[in-house]
PDB file of N, CA and C in Angstrom:
ATOM      1  N   UNK A   1      59.390  49.564  72.348  1.00  0.00           N
ATOM      2  CA  UNK A   1      60.021  50.839  72.052  1.00  0.00           C
ATOM      3  C   UNK A   1      58.927  51.869  71.756  1.00  0.00           C
ATOM      4  N   UNK A   2      58.825  52.858  72.637  1.00  0.00           N
ATOM      5  CA  UNK A   2      57.837  53.908  72.449  1.00  0.00           C
ATOM      6  C   UNK A   2      58.366  54.938  71.452  1.00  0.00           C
ATOM      7  N   UNK A   3      57.569  55.207  70.423  1.00  0.00           N
ATOM      8  CA  UNK A   3      57.965  56.194  69.416  1.00  0.00           C
ATOM      9  C   UNK A   3      57.941  57.595  70.015  1.00  0.00           C
ATOM     10  N   UNK A   4      58.865  58.448  69.601  1.00  0.00           N
ATOM     11  CA  UNK A   4      58.880  59.820  70.111  1.00  0.00           C
ATOM     12  C   UNK A   4      57.668  60.604  69.617  1.00  0.00           C
ATOM     13  N   UNK A   5      57.232  61.524  70.469  1.00  0.00           N
ATOM     14  CA  UNK A   5      56.237  62.522  70.078  1.00  0.00           C
ATOM     15  C   UNK A   5      57.026  63.796  69.797  1.00  0.00           C
ATOM     16  N   UNK A   6      56.578  64.576  68.825  1.00  0.00           N
ATOM     17  CA  UNK A   6      57.357  65.728  68.380  1.00  0.00           C
ATOM     18  C   UNK A   6      56.523  67.005  68.430  1.00  0.00           C
ATOM     19  N   UNK A   7      57.178  68.084  68.829  1.00  0.00           N
ATOM     20  CA  UNK A   7      56.593  69.420  68.855  1.00  0.00           C
ATOM     21  C   UNK A   7      57.446  70.314  67.963  1.00  0.00           C
ATOM     22  N   UNK A   8      56.827  70.936  66.968  1.00  0.00           N
ATOM     23  CA  UNK A   8      57.542  71.802  66.030  1.00  0.00           C
ATOM     24  C   UNK A   8      57.444  73.249  66.476  1.00  0.00           C
ATOM     25  N   UNK A   9      58.568  73.903  66.575  1.00  0.00           N
ATOM     26  CA  UNK A   9      58.602  75.326  66.900  1.00  0.00           C
ATOM     27  C   UNK A   9      57.934  76.109  65.772  1.00  0.00           C
ATOM     28  N   UNK A  10      57.579  77.348  66.052  1.00  0.00           N
ATOM     29  CA  UNK A  10      56.849  78.148  65.075  1.00  0.00           C
ATOM     30  C   UNK A  10      57.661  78.487  63.823  1.00  0.00           C
ATOM     31  N   UNK A  11      58.973  78.288  63.859  1.00  0.00           N
ATOM     32  CA  UNK A  11      59.784  78.581  62.680  1.00  0.00           C
ATOM     33  C   UNK A  11      59.769  77.433  61.663  1.00  0.00           C
ATOM     34  N   UNK A  12      59.008  76.405  61.949  1.00  0.00           N
ATOM     35  CA  UNK A  12      58.849  75.269  61.029  1.00  0.00           C
ATOM     36  C   UNK A  12      57.387  75.213  60.607  1.00  0.00           C
ATOM     37  N   UNK A  13      57.152  75.070  59.333  1.00  0.00           N
ATOM     38  CA  UNK A  13      55.787  75.066  58.820  1.00  0.00           C
ATOM     39  C   UNK A  13      54.946  73.969  59.455  1.00  0.00           C
ATOM     40  N   UNK A  14      53.695  74.309  59.763  1.00  0.00           N
ATOM     41  CA  UNK A  14      52.796  73.306  60.324  1.00  0.00           C
ATOM     42  C   UNK A  14      52.411  72.249  59.293  1.00  0.00           C
ATOM     43  N   UNK A  15      52.718  72.488  58.030  1.00  0.00           N
ATOM     44  CA  UNK A  15      52.503  71.465  57.002  1.00  0.00           C
ATOM     45  C   UNK A  15      53.299  70.205  57.341  1.00  0.00           C
ATOM     46  N   UNK A  16      54.484  70.368  57.909  1.00  0.00           N
ATOM     47  CA  UNK A  16      55.290  69.214  58.284  1.00  0.00           C
ATOM     48  C   UNK A  16      54.539  68.353  59.305  1.00  0.00           C
ATOM     49  N   UNK A  17      53.928  68.990  60.286  1.00  0.00           N
ATOM     50  CA  UNK A  17      53.156  68.240  61.291  1.00  0.00           C
ATOM     51  C   UNK A  17      51.984  67.513  60.631  1.00  0.00           C
ATOM     52  N   UNK A  18      51.282  68.187  59.756  1.00  0.00           N
ATOM     53  CA  UNK A  18      50.115  67.571  59.105  1.00  0.00           C
ATOM     54  C   UNK A  18      50.523  66.371  58.255  1.00  0.00           C
ATOM     55  N   UNK A  19      51.597  66.508  57.495  1.00  0.00           N
ATOM     56  CA  UNK A  19      52.058  65.409  56.646  1.00  0.00           C
ATOM     57  C   UNK A  19      52.523  64.234  57.504  1.00  0.00           C
ATOM     58  N   UNK A  20      53.286  64.510  58.535  1.00  0.00           N
ATOM     59  CA  UNK A  20      53.781  63.436  59.399  1.00  0.00           C
ATOM     60  C   UNK A  20      52.628  62.703  60.090  1.00  0.00           C
ATOM     61  N   UNK A  21      51.589  63.426  60.496  1.00  0.00           N
ATOM     62  CA  UNK A  21      50.439  62.769  61.125  1.00  0.00           C
ATOM     63  C   UNK A  21      49.744  61.814  60.154  1.00  0.00           C
ATOM     64  N   UNK A  22      49.684  62.175  58.868  1.00  0.00           N
ATOM     65  CA  UNK A  22      49.057  61.267  57.898  1.00  0.00           C
ATOM     66  C   UNK A  22      49.864  59.981  57.755  1.00  0.00           C
ATOM     67  N   UNK A  23      51.127  60.029  58.161  1.00  0.00           N
ATOM     68  CA  UNK A  23      52.001  58.862  58.092  1.00  0.00           C
ATOM     69  C   UNK A  23      52.049  58.106  59.422  1.00  0.00           C
ATOM     70  N   UNK A  24      51.245  58.547  60.395  1.00  0.00           N
ATOM     71  CA  UNK A  24      51.136  57.830  61.655  1.00  0.00           C
ATOM     72  C   UNK A  24      51.994  58.357  62.792  1.00  0.00           C
ATOM     73  N   UNK A  25      52.693  59.461  62.608  1.00  0.00           N
ATOM     74  CA  UNK A  25      53.535  60.025  63.656  1.00  0.00           C
ATOM     75  C   UNK A  25      52.723  60.977  64.527  1.00  0.00           C
ATOM     76  N   UNK A  26      53.103  61.085  65.788  1.00  0.00           N
ATOM     77  CA  UNK A  26      52.449  61.973  66.740  1.00  0.00           C
ATOM     78  C   UNK A  26      53.217  63.295  66.760  1.00  0.00           C
ATOM     79  N   UNK A  27      52.734  64.260  65.996  1.00  0.00           N
ATOM     80  CA  UNK A  27      53.429  65.539  65.819  1.00  0.00           C
ATOM     81  C   UNK A  27      52.415  66.680  65.880  1.00  0.00           C
ATOM     82  N   UNK A  28      52.768  67.748  66.612  1.00  0.00           N
ATOM     83  CA  UNK A  28      51.983  68.976  66.632  1.00  0.00           C
ATOM     84  C   UNK A  28      52.926  70.149  66.406  1.00  0.00           C
ATOM     85  N   UNK A  29      52.368  71.242  65.951  1.00  0.00           N
ATOM     86  CA  UNK A  29      53.179  72.440  65.738  1.00  0.00           C
ATOM     87  C   UNK A  29      52.712  73.563  66.661  1.00  0.00           C
ATOM     88  N   UNK A  30      53.608  74.499  66.899  1.00  0.00           N
ATOM     89  CA  UNK A  30      53.278  75.665  67.716  1.00  0.00           C
ATOM     90  C   UNK A  30      52.086  76.416  67.136  1.00  0.00           C
ATOM     91  N   UNK A  31      51.972  76.425  65.812  1.00  0.00           N
ATOM     92  CA  UNK A  31      50.848  77.104  65.152  1.00  0.00           C
ATOM     93  C   UNK A  31      49.529  76.454  65.544  1.00  0.00           C
ATOM     94  N   UNK A  32      49.521  75.140  65.605  1.00  0.00           N
ATOM     95  CA  UNK A  32      48.282  74.403  65.872  1.00  0.00           C
ATOM     96  C   UNK A  32      47.824  74.500  67.320  1.00  0.00           C
ATOM     97  N   UNK A  33      48.764  74.656  68.234  1.00  0.00           N
ATOM     98  CA  UNK A  33      48.410  74.707  69.654  1.00  0.00           C
ATOM     99  C   UNK A  33      48.483  76.131  70.201  1.00  0.00           C
ATOM    100  N   UNK A  34      48.479  77.102  69.295  1.00  0.00           N
ATOM    101  CA  UNK A  34      48.430  78.532  69.645  1.00  0.00           C
ATOM    102  C   UNK A  34      49.587  78.980  70.530  1.00  0.00           C
ATOM    103  N   UNK A  35      50.801  78.518  70.180  1.00  0.00           N
ATOM    104  CA  UNK A  35      51.998  78.902  70.934  1.00  0.00           C
ATOM    105  C   UNK A  35      52.901  79.862  70.150  1.00  0.00           C
ATOM    106  N   UNK A  36      52.392  80.425  69.038  1.00  0.00           N
ATOM    107  CA  UNK A  36      53.213  81.357  68.277  1.00  0.00           C
ATOM    108  C   UNK A  36      53.522  82.586  69.132  1.00  0.00           C
ATOM    109  N   UNK A  37      54.671  83.170  68.877  1.00  0.00           N
ATOM    110  CA  UNK A  37      55.122  84.407  69.519  1.00  0.00           C
ATOM    111  C   UNK A  37      55.367  84.269  71.016  1.00  0.00           C
ATOM    112  N   UNK A  38      55.482  83.055  71.496  1.00  0.00           N
ATOM    113  CA  UNK A  38      55.814  82.840  72.905  1.00  0.00           C
ATOM    114  C   UNK A  38      57.334  82.802  73.050  1.00  0.00           C
ATOM    115  N   UNK A  39      57.796  83.089  74.245  1.00  0.00           N
ATOM    116  CA  UNK A  39      59.226  83.028  74.518  1.00  0.00           C
ATOM    117  C   UNK A  39      59.724  81.593  74.336  1.00  0.00           C
ATOM    118  N   UNK A  40      61.001  81.471  73.989  1.00  0.00           N
ATOM    119  CA  UNK A  40      61.589  80.148  73.768  1.00  0.00           C
ATOM    120  C   UNK A  40      61.470  79.258  75.007  1.00  0.00           C
ATOM    121  N   UNK A  41      61.627  79.841  76.181  1.00  0.00           N
ATOM    122  CA  UNK A  41      61.495  79.076  77.426  1.00  0.00           C
ATOM    123  C   UNK A  41      60.089  78.479  77.541  1.00  0.00           C
ATOM    124  N   UNK A  42      59.085  79.245  77.104  1.00  0.00           N
ATOM    125  CA  UNK A  42      57.706  78.749  77.132  1.00  0.00           C
ATOM    126  C   UNK A  42      57.517  77.603  76.142  1.00  0.00           C
ATOM    127  N   UNK A  43      58.203  77.693  75.018  1.00  0.00           N
ATOM    128  CA  UNK A  43      58.119  76.623  74.026  1.00  0.00           C
ATOM    129  C   UNK A  43      58.668  75.322  74.608  1.00  0.00           C
ATOM    130  N   UNK A  44      59.823  75.414  75.261  1.00  0.00           N
ATOM    131  CA  UNK A  44      60.426  74.229  75.868  1.00  0.00           C
ATOM    132  C   UNK A  44      59.523  73.701  76.986  1.00  0.00           C
ATOM    133  N   UNK A  45      58.983  74.580  77.792  1.00  0.00           N
ATOM    134  CA  UNK A  45      58.083  74.152  78.871  1.00  0.00           C
ATOM    135  C   UNK A  45      56.861  73.433  78.322  1.00  0.00           C
ATOM    136  N   UNK A  46      56.314  73.940  77.226  1.00  0.00           N
ATOM    137  CA  UNK A  46      55.164  73.276  76.612  1.00  0.00           C
ATOM    138  C   UNK A  46      55.549  71.866  76.152  1.00  0.00           C
ATOM    139  N   UNK A  47      56.684  71.758  75.493  1.00  0.00           N
ATOM    140  CA  UNK A  47      57.138  70.445  75.010  1.00  0.00           C
ATOM    141  C   UNK A  47      57.350  69.482  76.176  1.00  0.00           C
ATOM    142  N   UNK A  48      57.940  69.963  77.250  1.00  0.00           N
ATOM    143  CA  UNK A  48      58.169  69.116  78.422  1.00  0.00           C
ATOM    144  C   UNK A  48      56.833  68.670  79.010  1.00  0.00           C
ATOM    145  N   UNK A  49      55.932  69.614  79.187  1.00  0.00           N
ATOM    146  CA  UNK A  49      54.627  69.305  79.786  1.00  0.00           C
ATOM    147  C   UNK A  49      53.866  68.262  78.963  1.00  0.00           C
ATOM    148  N   UNK A  50      54.009  68.343  77.631  1.00  0.00           N
ATOM    149  CA  UNK A  50      53.297  67.425  76.744  1.00  0.00           C
ATOM    150  C   UNK A  50      54.135  66.193  76.378  1.00  0.00           C
ATOM    151  N   UNK A  51      55.308  66.058  77.015  1.00  0.00           N
ATOM    152  CA  UNK A  51      56.204  64.914  76.815  1.00  0.00           C
ATOM    153  C   UNK A  51      56.592  64.734  75.346  1.00  0.00           C
ATOM    154  N   UNK A  52      57.016  65.841  74.740  1.00  0.00           N
ATOM    155  CA  UNK A  52      57.401  65.855  73.339  1.00  0.00           C
ATOM    156  C   UNK A  52      58.829  66.340  73.161  1.00  0.00           C
ATOM    157  N   UNK A  53      59.523  65.753  72.202  1.00  0.00           N
ATOM    158  CA  UNK A  53      60.797  66.301  71.757  1.00  0.00           C
ATOM    159  C   UNK A  53      60.480  67.557  70.950  1.00  0.00           C
ATOM    160  N   UNK A  54      61.375  68.502  70.961  1.00  0.00           N
ATOM    161  CA  UNK A  54      61.153  69.764  70.272  1.00  0.00           C
ATOM    162  C   UNK A  54      62.076  69.893  69.074  1.00  0.00           C
ATOM    163  N   UNK A  55      61.516  70.279  67.937  1.00  0.00           N
ATOM    164  CA  UNK A  55      62.288  70.514  66.716  1.00  0.00           C
ATOM    165  C   UNK A  55      62.212  71.989  66.363  1.00  0.00           C
ATOM    166  N   UNK A  56      63.369  72.613  66.164  1.00  0.00           N
ATOM    167  CA  UNK A  56      63.423  74.041  65.877  1.00  0.00           C
ATOM    168  C   UNK A  56      64.556  74.371  64.923  1.00  0.00           C
ATOM    169  N   UNK A  57      64.401  75.475  64.215  1.00  0.00           N
ATOM    170  CA  UNK A  57      65.477  76.024  63.385  1.00  0.00           C
ATOM    171  C   UNK A  57      66.197  77.159  64.112  1.00  0.00           C
ATOM    172  N   UNK A  58      65.747  77.475  65.304  1.00  0.00           N
ATOM    173  CA  UNK A  58      66.331  78.550  66.096  1.00  0.00           C
ATOM    174  C   UNK A  58      67.533  77.990  66.872  1.00  0.00           C
ATOM    175  N   UNK A  59      68.587  77.743  66.131  1.00  0.00           N
ATOM    176  CA  UNK A  59      69.739  77.008  66.662  1.00  0.00           C
ATOM    177  C   UNK A  59      70.389  77.717  67.844  1.00  0.00           C
ATOM    178  N   UNK A  60      70.691  78.989  67.717  1.00  0.00           N
ATOM    179  CA  UNK A  60      71.444  79.670  68.779  1.00  0.00           C
ATOM    180  C   UNK A  60      70.662  79.727  70.086  1.00  0.00           C
ATOM    181  N   UNK A  61      69.396  80.088  70.042  1.00  0.00           N
ATOM    182  CA  UNK A  61      68.617  80.194  71.273  1.00  0.00           C
ATOM    183  C   UNK A  61      68.414  78.837  71.938  1.00  0.00           C
ATOM    184  N   UNK A  62      68.110  77.819  71.137  1.00  0.00           N
ATOM    185  CA  UNK A  62      67.798  76.523  71.724  1.00  0.00           C
ATOM    186  C   UNK A  62      69.051  75.747  72.133  1.00  0.00           C
ATOM    187  N   UNK A  63      70.187  76.088  71.555  1.00  0.00           N
ATOM    188  CA  UNK A  63      71.452  75.538  72.051  1.00  0.00           C
ATOM    189  C   UNK A  63      71.680  76.035  73.469  1.00  0.00           C
ATOM    190  N   UNK A  64      71.448  77.314  73.680  1.00  0.00           N
ATOM    191  CA  UNK A  64      71.594  77.886  75.020  1.00  0.00           C
ATOM    192  C   UNK A  64      70.569  77.311  75.992  1.00  0.00           C
ATOM    193  N   UNK A  65      69.338  77.106  75.526  1.00  0.00           N
ATOM    194  CA  UNK A  65      68.315  76.527  76.399  1.00  0.00           C
ATOM    195  C   UNK A  65      68.648  75.079  76.765  1.00  0.00           C
ATOM    196  N   UNK A  66      69.170  74.323  75.822  1.00  0.00           N
ATOM    197  CA  UNK A  66      69.578  72.946  76.113  1.00  0.00           C
ATOM    198  C   UNK A  66      70.678  72.947  77.171  1.00  0.00           C
ATOM    199  N   UNK A  67      71.595  73.879  77.057  1.00  0.00           N
ATOM    200  CA  UNK A  67      72.676  73.994  78.045  1.00  0.00           C
ATOM    201  C   UNK A  67      72.101  74.346  79.424  1.00  0.00           C
ATOM    202  N   UNK A  68      71.151  75.281  79.455  1.00  0.00           N
ATOM    203  CA  UNK A  68      70.528  75.654  80.734  1.00  0.00           C
ATOM    204  C   UNK A  68      69.784  74.478  81.349  1.00  0.00           C
ATOM    205  N   UNK A  69      69.091  73.714  80.533  1.00  0.00           N
ATOM    206  CA  UNK A  69      68.403  72.520  81.043  1.00  0.00           C
ATOM    207  C   UNK A  69      69.414  71.569  81.680  1.00  0.00           C
ATOM    208  N   UNK A  70      70.522  71.356  80.999  1.00  0.00           N
ATOM    209  CA  UNK A  70      71.563  70.464  81.520  1.00  0.00           C
ATOM    210  C   UNK A  70      72.121  70.998  82.840  1.00  0.00           C
ATOM    211  N   UNK A  71      72.490  72.264  82.849  1.00  0.00           N
ATOM    212  CA  UNK A  71      73.103  72.857  84.042  1.00  0.00           C
ATOM    213  C   UNK A  71      72.151  72.871  85.236  1.00  0.00           C
ATOM    214  N   UNK A  72      70.858  73.059  84.965  1.00  0.00           N
ATOM    215  CA  UNK A  72      69.863  73.137  86.038  1.00  0.00           C
ATOM    216  C   UNK A  72      69.149  71.813  86.286  1.00  0.00           C
ATOM    217  N   UNK A  73      69.640  70.761  85.638  1.00  0.00           N
ATOM    218  CA  UNK A  73      69.074  69.414  85.797  1.00  0.00           C
ATOM    219  C   UNK A  73      67.574  69.380  85.494  1.00  0.00           C
ATOM    220  N   UNK A  74      67.193  70.078  84.423  1.00  0.00           N
ATOM    221  CA  UNK A  74      65.808  70.067  83.963  1.00  0.00           C
ATOM    222  C   UNK A  74      65.695  69.003  82.884  1.00  0.00           C
ATOM    223  N   UNK A  75      64.903  68.000  83.152  1.00  0.00           N
ATOM    224  CA  UNK A  75      64.733  66.907  82.210  1.00  0.00           C
ATOM    225  C   UNK A  75      63.783  67.326  81.089  1.00  0.00           C
ATOM    226  N   UNK A  76      64.113  66.935  79.873  1.00  0.00           N
ATOM    227  CA  UNK A  76      63.256  67.224  78.718  1.00  0.00           C
ATOM    228  C   UNK A  76      63.223  65.990  77.833  1.00  0.00           C
ATOM    229  N   UNK A  77      62.456  66.056  76.767  1.00  0.00           N
ATOM    230  CA  UNK A  77      62.236  64.893  75.901  1.00  0.00           C
ATOM    231  C   UNK A  77      63.002  64.986  74.585  1.00  0.00           C
ATOM    232  N   UNK A  78      63.990  65.881  74.555  1.00  0.00           N
ATOM    233  CA  UNK A  78      64.838  66.053  73.390  1.00  0.00           C
ATOM    234  C   UNK A  78      64.690  67.436  72.799  1.00  0.00           C
ATOM    235  N   UNK A  79      65.809  68.068  72.512  1.00  0.00           N
ATOM    236  CA  UNK A  79      65.833  69.342  71.804  1.00  0.00           C
ATOM    237  C   UNK A  79      66.613  69.094  70.532  1.00  0.00           C
ATOM    238  N   UNK A  80      65.911  69.228  69.408  1.00  0.00           N
ATOM    239  CA  UNK A  80      66.483  68.907  68.102  1.00  0.00           C
ATOM    240  C   UNK A  80      66.558  70.199  67.302  1.00  0.00           C
ATOM    241  N   UNK A  81      67.736  70.517  66.818  1.00  0.00           N
ATOM    242  CA  UNK A  81      67.921  71.741  66.034  1.00  0.00           C
ATOM    243  C   UNK A  81      68.328  71.385  64.615  1.00  0.00           C
ATOM    244  N   UNK A  82      67.961  72.270  63.711  1.00  0.00           N
ATOM    245  CA  UNK A  82      68.264  72.070  62.302  1.00  0.00           C
ATOM    246  C   UNK A  82      68.357  73.418  61.604  1.00  0.00           C
ATOM    247  N   UNK A  83      69.184  73.518  60.581  1.00  0.00           N
ATOM    248  CA  UNK A  83      69.125  74.725  59.756  1.00  0.00           C
ATOM    249  C   UNK A  83      67.824  74.696  58.940  1.00  0.00           C
ATOM    250  N   UNK A  84      67.463  75.816  58.366  1.00  0.00           N
ATOM    251  CA  UNK A  84      66.306  75.839  57.468  1.00  0.00           C
ATOM    252  C   UNK A  84      66.617  74.932  56.285  1.00  0.00           C
ATOM    253  N   UNK A  85      65.706  74.030  55.998  1.00  0.00           N
ATOM    254  CA  UNK A  85      65.863  73.089  54.884  1.00  0.00           C
ATOM    255  C   UNK A  85      64.634  73.169  54.002  1.00  0.00           C
ATOM    256  N   UNK A  86      64.772  72.733  52.744  1.00  0.00           N
ATOM    257  CA  UNK A  86      63.562  72.667  51.933  1.00  0.00           C
ATOM    258  C   UNK A  86      62.666  71.581  52.525  1.00  0.00           C
ATOM    259  N   UNK A  87      61.379  71.647  52.207  1.00  0.00           N
ATOM    260  CA  UNK A  87      60.390  70.785  52.844  1.00  0.00           C
ATOM    261  C   UNK A  87      60.713  69.302  52.681  1.00  0.00           C
ATOM    262  N   UNK A  88      61.070  68.894  51.493  1.00  0.00           N
ATOM    263  CA  UNK A  88      61.334  67.474  51.232  1.00  0.00           C
ATOM    264  C   UNK A  88      62.485  66.957  52.093  1.00  0.00           C
ATOM    265  N   UNK A  89      63.553  67.739  52.219  1.00  0.00           N
ATOM    266  CA  UNK A  89      64.703  67.330  53.033  1.00  0.00           C
ATOM    267  C   UNK A  89      64.341  67.307  54.520  1.00  0.00           C
ATOM    268  N   UNK A  90      63.578  68.307  54.974  1.00  0.00           N
ATOM    269  CA  UNK A  90      63.154  68.346  56.373  1.00  0.00           C
ATOM    270  C   UNK A  90      62.284  67.123  56.688  1.00  0.00           C
ATOM    271  N   UNK A  91      61.387  66.783  55.794  1.00  0.00           N
ATOM    272  CA  UNK A  91      60.527  65.616  55.982  1.00  0.00           C
ATOM    273  C   UNK A  91      61.359  64.338  56.068  1.00  0.00           C
ATOM    274  N   UNK A  92      62.285  64.182  55.136  1.00  0.00           N
ATOM    275  CA  UNK A  92      63.134  62.989  55.101  1.00  0.00           C
ATOM    276  C   UNK A  92      63.940  62.840  56.398  1.00  0.00           C
ATOM    277  N   UNK A  93      64.567  63.918  56.840  1.00  0.00           N
ATOM    278  CA  UNK A  93      65.394  63.855  58.051  1.00  0.00           C
ATOM    279  C   UNK A  93      64.556  63.608  59.305  1.00  0.00           C
ATOM    280  N   UNK A  94      63.378  64.217  59.341  1.00  0.00           N
ATOM    281  CA  UNK A  94      62.516  64.038  60.508  1.00  0.00           C
ATOM    282  C   UNK A  94      62.004  62.603  60.586  1.00  0.00           C
ATOM    283  N   UNK A  95      61.600  62.046  59.463  1.00  0.00           N
ATOM    284  CA  UNK A  95      61.160  60.646  59.440  1.00  0.00           C
ATOM    285  C   UNK A  95      62.299  59.733  59.885  1.00  0.00           C
ATOM    286  N   UNK A  96      63.487  59.982  59.402  1.00  0.00           N
ATOM    287  CA  UNK A  96      64.645  59.180  59.796  1.00  0.00           C
ATOM    288  C   UNK A  96      64.862  59.241  61.311  1.00  0.00           C
ATOM    289  N   UNK A  97      64.771  60.422  61.870  1.00  0.00           N
ATOM    290  CA  UNK A  97      64.928  60.584  63.312  1.00  0.00           C
ATOM    291  C   UNK A  97      63.853  59.804  64.065  1.00  0.00           C
ATOM    292  N   UNK A  98      62.602  59.959  63.655  1.00  0.00           N
ATOM    293  CA  UNK A  98      61.497  59.317  64.366  1.00  0.00           C
ATOM    294  C   UNK A  98      61.505  57.798  64.209  1.00  0.00           C
ATOM    295  N   UNK A  99      61.929  57.321  63.050  1.00  0.00           N
ATOM    296  CA  UNK A  99      61.953  55.875  62.802  1.00  0.00           C
ATOM    297  C   UNK A  99      63.106  55.168  63.501  1.00  0.00           C
ATOM    298  N   UNK A 100      64.170  55.880  63.776  1.00  0.00           N
ATOM    299  CA  UNK A 100      65.377  55.244  64.299  1.00  0.00           C
ATOM    300  C   UNK A 100      65.685  55.563  65.753  1.00  0.00           C
ATOM    301  N   UNK A 101      64.724  56.168  66.438  1.00  0.00           N
ATOM    302  CA  UNK A 101      64.911  56.501  67.845  1.00  0.00           C
ATOM    303  C   UNK A 101      63.625  56.251  68.616  1.00  0.00           C
ATOM    304  N   UNK A 102      63.775  55.839  69.850  1.00  0.00           N
ATOM    305  CA  UNK A 102      62.626  55.747  70.747  1.00  0.00           C
ATOM    306  C   UNK A 102      62.553  57.052  71.534  1.00  0.00           C
ATOM    307  N   UNK A 103      61.454  57.229  72.253  1.00  0.00           N
ATOM    308  CA  UNK A 103      61.362  58.427  73.086  1.00  0.00           C
ATOM    309  C   UNK A 103      62.475  58.436  74.137  1.00  0.00           C
ATOM    310  N   UNK A 104      62.855  57.260  74.637  1.00  0.00           N
ATOM    311  CA  UNK A 104      63.958  57.184  75.607  1.00  0.00           C
ATOM    312  C   UNK A 104      65.300  57.580  74.984  1.00  0.00           C
ATOM    313  N   UNK A 105      65.486  57.266  73.699  1.00  0.00           N
ATOM    314  CA  UNK A 105      66.736  57.634  73.019  1.00  0.00           C
ATOM    315  C   UNK A 105      66.921  59.151  72.964  1.00  0.00           C
ATOM    316  N   UNK A 106      65.821  59.888  72.854  1.00  0.00           N
ATOM    317  CA  UNK A 106      65.894  61.347  72.713  1.00  0.00           C
ATOM    318  C   UNK A 106      65.901  62.077  74.047  1.00  0.00           C
ATOM    319  N   UNK A 107      65.473  61.408  75.103  1.00  0.00           N
ATOM    320  CA  UNK A 107      65.325  62.060  76.406  1.00  0.00           C
ATOM    321  C   UNK A 107      66.622  62.725  76.843  1.00  0.00           C
ATOM    322  N   UNK A 108      66.489  64.018  77.175  1.00  0.00           N
ATOM    323  CA  UNK A 108      67.593  64.854  77.680  1.00  0.00           C
ATOM    324  C   UNK A 108      68.750  65.017  76.707  1.00  0.00           C
ATOM    325  N   UNK A 109      68.498  64.770  75.435  1.00  0.00           N
ATOM    326  CA  UNK A 109      69.562  64.926  74.436  1.00  0.00           C
ATOM    327  C   UNK A 109      69.366  66.181  73.604  1.00  0.00           C
ATOM    328  N   UNK A 110      70.470  66.711  73.161  1.00  0.00           N
ATOM    329  CA  UNK A 110      70.515  67.822  72.214  1.00  0.00           C
ATOM    330  C   UNK A 110      71.006  67.222  70.905  1.00  0.00           C
ATOM    331  N   UNK A 111      70.207  67.356  69.853  1.00  0.00           N
ATOM    332  CA  UNK A 111      70.493  66.648  68.595  1.00  0.00           C
ATOM    333  C   UNK A 111      70.491  67.619  67.422  1.00  0.00           C
ATOM    334  N   UNK A 112      71.471  67.451  66.560  1.00  0.00           N
ATOM    335  CA  UNK A 112      71.519  68.176  65.290  1.00  0.00           C
ATOM    336  C   UNK A 112      70.875  67.283  64.245  1.00  0.00           C
ATOM    337  N   UNK A 113      69.796  67.775  63.620  1.00  0.00           N
ATOM    338  CA  UNK A 113      69.069  66.968  62.631  1.00  0.00           C
ATOM    339  C   UNK A 113      69.799  66.951  61.314  1.00  0.00           C
TER     340      UNK A 113
END
């Protein structure tokens, strides 16, 4: 079972990526890879190119993008949306997601964290 790789949208603190990496997870943030202020479509394209599931708090935009991917048969590695949460809760939910899913489990899925 291959563990998922995760890409955090710019609306999520890069501290989450740093903490998760210390725990052995493969996570990068938009801040770290210089993708801030890019269009949402570019964010999804980056995640696809790097074979990463995407985590974002931008629920409305990424719900629409997930729908467009489905309608246009664009394969992705998972689009995960969440409301803004305090850091501890976001960390807990993200660890739960990563520990209980393989990369194949997330492929082409739209998930509410």
